[in-house]
Protein backbone atom coordinates (compact mmCIF):
# COMPACT_ATOMS: atom_id res chain seq x y z
CA UNK A 1 81.75 50.40 93.73
CA UNK A 2 78.47 50.78 91.86
CA UNK A 3 76.49 49.61 94.89
CA UNK A 4 78.25 52.15 97.08
CA UNK A 5 77.34 54.92 94.64
CA UNK A 6 73.67 53.92 94.74
CA UNK A 7 73.77 53.83 98.54
CA UNK A 8 75.26 57.33 98.68
CA UNK A 9 72.63 58.62 96.24
CA UNK A 10 69.82 57.13 98.34
CA UNK A 11 71.24 58.64 101.53
CA UNK A 12 71.50 62.03 99.83
CA UNK A 13 67.90 61.85 98.61
CA UNK A 14 66.69 60.96 102.11
CA UNK A 15 68.75 63.79 103.61
CA UNK A 16 67.37 66.20 101.00
CA UNK A 17 63.78 65.20 101.75
CA UNK A 18 64.40 65.44 105.49
CA UNK A 19 66.07 68.83 105.14
CA UNK A 20 63.47 70.24 102.77
CA UNK A 21 60.39 69.25 104.73
CA UNK A 22 61.44 68.94 108.37
CA UNK A 23 64.28 71.27 109.21
CA UNK A 24 66.60 73.60 107.30
CA UNK A 25 69.74 71.49 107.43
CA UNK A 26 72.77 71.48 105.22
CA UNK A 27 71.69 74.41 103.10
CA UNK A 28 72.73 74.22 99.48
CA UNK A 29 75.51 71.69 100.03
CA UNK A 30 73.03 68.80 100.06
CA UNK A 31 71.67 69.94 96.69
CA UNK A 32 75.16 70.11 95.19
CA UNK A 33 76.02 66.63 96.49
CA UNK A 34 72.73 65.25 95.20
CA UNK A 35 73.34 66.64 91.71
CA UNK A 36 76.87 65.21 91.69
CA UNK A 37 75.58 61.79 92.75
CA UNK A 38 72.86 61.78 90.07
CA UNK A 39 75.36 62.79 87.39
CA UNK A 40 77.76 60.05 88.50
CA UNK A 41 74.97 57.46 88.38
CA UNK A 42 73.86 58.59 84.92
CA UNK A 43 77.42 58.41 83.62
CA UNK A 44 77.68 54.88 85.00
CA UNK A 45 74.46 53.86 83.26
CA UNK A 46 75.57 55.44 79.98
CA UNK A 47 78.94 53.67 80.10
CA UNK A 48 77.28 50.28 80.63
CA UNK A 49 74.90 50.80 77.70
C-alpha cells in the first residue's frame, strides 16, 4: 500500500510539472490531489516514526 501511495504521488508531481510548464491541463484539481498525496505520505512517515 505504501508503494502505491508513493507511485501516485510521483505521478501527480509529474502531471503537475507537465501541466504547469507545457499546457494548462487539469486546472486546480491536480494541485488538490497533489496536496492530499503529500499529506498522506507525511502522515505515513509520522506514524512509522
